[in-house]
Structure formats: C-alpha cells, structure tokens
Protein backbone atom coordinates (compact mmCIF):
# COMPACT_ATOMS: atom_id res chain seq x y z
CA MET A 1 140.23 -44.44 131.50
CA PHE A 2 141.78 -41.57 133.44
CA THR A 3 142.10 -37.83 132.93
CA GLY A 4 145.49 -37.02 134.45
CA ILE A 5 144.00 -35.00 137.33
CA ILE A 6 145.77 -36.32 140.43
CA GLU A 7 143.38 -36.86 143.33
CA GLU A 8 145.76 -37.71 146.12
CA LEU A 9 149.34 -38.45 147.07
CA GLY A 10 149.74 -41.95 148.42
CA ARG A 11 152.85 -43.42 150.02
CA VAL A 12 154.58 -46.70 149.29
CA SER A 13 154.36 -49.08 152.26
CA ALA A 14 156.24 -51.97 150.66
CA ILE A 15 157.24 -53.51 147.35
CA GLU A 16 157.56 -57.27 147.68
CA PRO A 17 158.81 -59.72 145.03
CA ILE A 18 156.29 -62.52 144.48
CA PRO A 19 158.09 -65.86 144.95
CA GLY A 20 158.34 -67.90 141.77
CA ALA A 21 156.90 -65.15 139.60
CA ASP A 22 158.25 -62.34 137.46
CA ALA A 23 156.18 -59.86 139.44
CA ALA A 24 155.96 -57.88 142.64
CA ARG A 25 153.23 -56.77 145.02
CA LEU A 26 153.08 -53.03 145.62
CA ARG A 27 151.47 -51.86 148.86
CA ILE A 28 150.40 -48.22 149.10
CA ALA A 29 148.93 -46.23 151.98
CA ALA A 30 146.14 -43.94 150.81
CA GLY A 31 143.06 -42.07 152.04
CA ALA A 32 139.86 -40.77 150.47
CA VAL A 33 140.81 -42.01 146.98
CA LEU A 34 139.92 -45.51 148.24
CA ASP A 35 136.32 -44.64 149.20
CA GLY A 36 134.05 -47.12 147.44
CA LEU A 37 136.93 -48.83 145.64
CA PRO A 38 135.98 -52.48 145.05
CA ALA A 39 138.44 -55.35 144.91
CA GLY A 40 139.62 -55.34 141.30
CA GLY A 41 139.02 -51.63 140.87
CA SER A 42 141.44 -49.58 138.79
CA LEU A 43 143.79 -46.88 140.04
CA ALA A 44 146.59 -45.06 138.28
CA VAL A 45 149.81 -45.08 140.33
CA ASN A 46 152.30 -42.56 138.93
CA GLY A 47 150.41 -42.90 135.67
CA VAL A 48 150.34 -46.71 135.57
CA CYS A 49 146.91 -48.37 135.56
CA LEU A 50 146.90 -51.06 138.25
CA THR A 51 144.25 -53.39 139.66
CA ALA A 52 143.58 -53.13 143.40
CA VAL A 53 143.68 -56.36 145.37
CA PRO A 54 142.52 -56.88 148.99
CA ASP A 55 144.95 -55.62 151.60
CA THR A 56 144.97 -54.90 155.30
CA GLY A 57 145.35 -51.50 156.87
CA ASP A 58 144.70 -48.06 155.40
CA GLY A 59 145.68 -48.66 151.83
CA PHE A 60 145.61 -51.06 148.91
CA ALA A 61 147.86 -53.53 147.16
CA ALA A 62 148.45 -54.16 143.46
CA ASP A 63 150.32 -56.92 141.68
CA VAL A 64 152.77 -55.55 139.12
CA MET A 65 154.01 -57.86 136.36
CA GLY A 66 157.61 -57.91 135.15
CA GLU A 67 156.70 -56.11 131.91
CA THR A 68 155.37 -53.17 133.91
CA LEU A 69 158.34 -53.13 136.26
CA ALA A 70 160.72 -53.06 133.29
CA ARG A 71 158.92 -50.37 131.28
CA THR A 72 157.97 -47.94 134.05
CA SER A 73 159.57 -46.41 137.12
CA LEU A 74 157.47 -48.46 139.56
CA GLY A 75 160.24 -51.00 140.04
CA ALA A 76 162.50 -48.27 141.45
CA LEU A 77 160.07 -47.26 144.20
CA SER A 78 161.06 -47.67 147.84
CA PRO A 79 159.03 -47.66 151.09
CA GLY A 80 158.14 -44.09 152.02
CA ASP A 81 158.12 -42.76 148.44
CA PRO A 82 155.10 -40.60 147.53
CA VAL A 83 153.07 -41.58 144.46
CA ASN A 84 150.39 -39.88 142.38
CA LEU A 85 146.99 -41.57 142.65
CA GLU A 86 143.92 -41.25 140.43
CA ARG A 87 140.77 -43.38 140.36
CA CYS A 88 139.38 -44.36 136.98
CA MET A 89 136.85 -41.91 135.58
CA PRO A 90 133.15 -42.77 136.16
CA ALA A 91 130.96 -42.84 133.06
CA GLY A 92 128.90 -39.89 134.29
CA GLY A 93 131.82 -37.88 135.65
CA ARG A 94 133.10 -34.51 134.52
CA PHE A 95 135.87 -34.84 131.95
CA ASP A 96 138.99 -32.89 132.88
CA GLY A 97 142.64 -32.98 131.81
CA HIS A 98 142.90 -35.17 128.70
CA VAL A 99 142.36 -38.81 127.72
CA VAL A 100 144.83 -40.89 129.73
CA GLN A 101 144.81 -44.69 129.52
CA GLY A 102 147.33 -45.50 132.20
CA HIS A 103 149.46 -47.29 129.59
CA VAL A 104 152.98 -45.90 129.95
CA ASP A 105 154.85 -45.63 126.65
CA ALA A 106 158.33 -45.02 128.05
CA THR A 107 160.22 -43.37 130.84
CA GLY A 108 161.96 -40.03 130.49
CA THR A 109 164.57 -38.29 132.60
CA ILE A 110 164.28 -34.79 133.99
CA ALA A 111 167.09 -32.81 132.37
CA ALA A 112 166.56 -29.34 133.86
CA VAL A 113 164.35 -27.50 136.33
CA GLU A 114 164.07 -23.69 136.24
CA ASP A 115 162.17 -21.66 138.82
CA LEU A 116 160.61 -18.68 137.04
CA GLY A 117 158.87 -17.19 140.05
CA GLY A 118 155.17 -17.88 139.53
CA TRP A 119 155.84 -21.14 137.71
CA THR A 120 158.55 -23.72 137.06
CA ARG A 121 159.84 -24.85 133.69
CA VAL A 122 160.87 -28.51 133.48
CA ARG A 123 162.72 -30.08 130.57
CA ILE A 124 162.41 -33.85 130.16
CA ALA A 125 164.66 -35.98 127.95
CA THR A 126 162.67 -38.62 126.11
CA PRO A 127 163.48 -41.67 123.95
CA ALA A 128 163.81 -40.72 120.28
CA GLU A 129 160.98 -43.06 119.24
CA LEU A 130 158.51 -41.13 121.40
CA ALA A 131 159.46 -37.70 120.02
CA PRO A 132 157.16 -37.82 116.93
CA LEU A 133 154.15 -38.22 119.25
CA ILE A 134 154.96 -35.11 121.30
CA ALA A 135 153.78 -31.78 119.91
CA GLU A 136 154.04 -28.22 121.21
CA LYS A 137 150.77 -27.23 122.92
CA GLY A 138 149.70 -30.88 122.88
CA SER A 139 149.03 -33.01 125.94
CA ILE A 140 151.19 -35.53 127.76
CA ALA A 141 150.93 -37.44 131.04
CA VAL A 142 154.05 -37.23 133.22
CA ASP A 143 153.81 -39.63 136.18
CA GLY A 144 150.09 -39.61 135.43
CA THR A 145 149.72 -35.82 135.59
CA SER A 146 148.02 -34.19 132.60
CA LEU A 147 150.27 -31.42 131.30
CA THR A 148 150.50 -29.10 128.31
CA ILE A 149 153.73 -29.24 126.33
CA THR A 150 155.30 -25.80 126.03
CA ALA A 151 158.32 -26.57 123.83
CA VAL A 152 159.84 -29.51 121.94
CA SER A 153 163.18 -30.43 120.41
CA GLU A 154 163.60 -30.17 116.64
CA PRO A 155 163.23 -33.31 114.51
CA GLY A 156 166.58 -35.05 114.24
CA ALA A 157 167.96 -33.43 117.39
CA GLU A 158 170.82 -35.37 118.96
CA ARG A 159 168.73 -35.77 122.12
CA ALA A 160 164.96 -35.54 122.08
CA TRP A 161 163.25 -33.49 124.80
CA PHE A 162 160.13 -31.54 125.66
CA GLU A 163 159.27 -28.91 128.24
CA VAL A 164 156.27 -28.34 130.49
CA GLY A 165 155.30 -25.51 132.82
CA LEU A 166 154.27 -26.36 136.38
CA ILE A 167 152.19 -24.02 138.52
CA PRO A 168 152.56 -24.06 142.35
CA ALA A 169 149.38 -26.16 142.80
CA THR A 170 150.83 -28.91 140.60
CA LEU A 171 154.13 -28.85 142.48
CA GLU A 172 152.30 -29.05 145.80
CA ARG A 173 149.77 -31.76 144.98
CA THR A 174 151.77 -34.16 142.82
CA VAL A 175 155.12 -35.93 142.88
CA LEU A 176 156.34 -33.38 140.34
CA GLY A 177 157.10 -31.23 143.36
CA LEU A 178 160.14 -33.51 143.70
CA ALA A 179 161.29 -32.76 140.16
CA ALA A 180 165.08 -32.68 139.99
CA PRO A 181 167.61 -33.41 137.25
CA GLY A 182 168.16 -37.14 136.88
CA ARG A 183 164.74 -38.17 138.22
CA ARG A 184 163.03 -40.82 136.09
CA VAL A 185 159.38 -40.21 135.15
CA ASN A 186 156.67 -42.22 133.43
CA LEU A 187 155.46 -40.82 130.09
CA GLU A 188 152.23 -41.47 128.21
CA ALA A 189 151.79 -39.72 124.89
CA ASP A 190 148.41 -38.54 123.61
CA VAL A 191 146.46 -41.64 122.55
CA PHE A 192 145.19 -39.89 119.40
CA ALA A 193 148.78 -39.19 118.31
CA LYS A 194 149.62 -42.88 118.78
CA TYR A 195 146.73 -44.06 116.61
CA ALA A 196 147.49 -41.47 113.94
CA ALA A 197 151.11 -42.62 113.81
CA ARG A 198 150.05 -46.27 113.58
CA LEU A 199 147.60 -45.56 110.76
CA ALA A 200 150.26 -43.59 108.88
CA ALA A 201 152.66 -46.52 109.18
CA PHE A 202 150.19 -48.72 107.26
CA ALA A 203 149.28 -46.13 104.63
CA PRO A 204 150.03 -47.33 101.07
CA ALA A 205 153.00 -45.72 99.36
CA PRO A 206 151.98 -43.02 96.88
CA ALA A 207 152.01 -44.07 93.24
CA PRO A 208 154.96 -42.71 91.25
CA ALA A 209 154.18 -39.51 89.36
CA GLN A 210 153.56 -40.13 85.66
CA GLN A 211 155.71 -38.09 83.28
CA ILE A 212 153.92 -35.81 80.86
CA GLY A 213 153.76 -37.40 77.45
CA ALA A 214 154.49 -40.89 78.73
CA PRO A 215 152.16 -43.61 77.50
CA ALA A 216 149.31 -44.37 79.89
C-alpha cells in the first residue's frame, strides 16, 4: 500500500522489450528511495506498483507486463524522463495522503493548466466510466500523487473531467511540474469509491411499490 506522497524523482535509464514476452524491463536511476530496498520490494512508479528486480548501477529495474503497458502511461516513457517514486508504506509508518494501491484504473489527459499565482489549477479529462468514482473534495492519485479534487464535470457531460489545485511544492517535487495540455497521466480513484460502486452494482432491485387497496 502507498499514500501518494512522492519521495523522490527518479529518471528512466532504459525501457527494453523482453524477447519472446509481452513485457518490458524498465530501468530507473534513483537515490535515497532505494535505501534498504530488498530484491522483490515494491515501489510505485508514476503511481504504478512495480516489483524491484536486481540491477547494476545506481538504480533498480522492474519487469512490466503487457497489461500494465497497455493500461498505464509507462509504455510511453523514454530514457531521460523523470518519474515519481514512492516506497510502499511500512506497517508502523505515519499515514499521510490517502490510501493508494498502485493499481491504475485508467489514464487521463491534461486538458488545461492555469497559473493562478500562488497555485496552479489543472483540468484532466477522464474516461466516462471513471467519472462516477470521482467526487469534489474527494481524493485521487494522479501519476501516484495524492491530490484533492476541487471540481468535477456534471453527470452526463459530453466529456468527463475533474480539476485539482497544485501548490509550488507539488510542482517542484513531482512530475506534475511538467503538466501541459495533452500530457497523459495515470489515474487511480479512491479505493473506497470503487468498492462502494461494486457493491451497489450487485444490490438487489427494489421491490415494486404495492398499490393501496391492492390484495396482499
């Protein structure tokens, strides 16, 4: 489990297709976030939970299956690109941000960026199926960064979107500092909203109302 508090910016060293497999090996240069990381330890890379495998040099490698490459933005990374990094949360650690699993639901596209002086407003277009899980003043992970939703599109809008506000520290310490219209970002909705929606989908249909005077 993660909290969406980015610890460090890493940098992609290479992304190499694995011969004969629907997968790729992602190599990332990183620093202090690797201290004490065992082989097989978990890190979130731009919000995607990956398993570290042994690598040489100052960094780590992770094998990324085809499903992950197709459903996240990791497949579009290139050498030199910065990435958000977060270690999994220790059992006795301080809880910050919100509950983040590292399981990306979909990708969104930055639609607009507005500099408001002390903060920046960012609008992100999202797939329609994700919109019911996104609520104003709720939480969302964007490229693994825990953010509060400041505005949402109306139900049935032609194009679903939500907005977040970014303070200078977030812009400086995460890849959201590169936010620009057209940029693709990984999205993970609040896990509690996902379970609530799933439970509602299996709820029995209400019994039809009985008319007054009708025989029981």
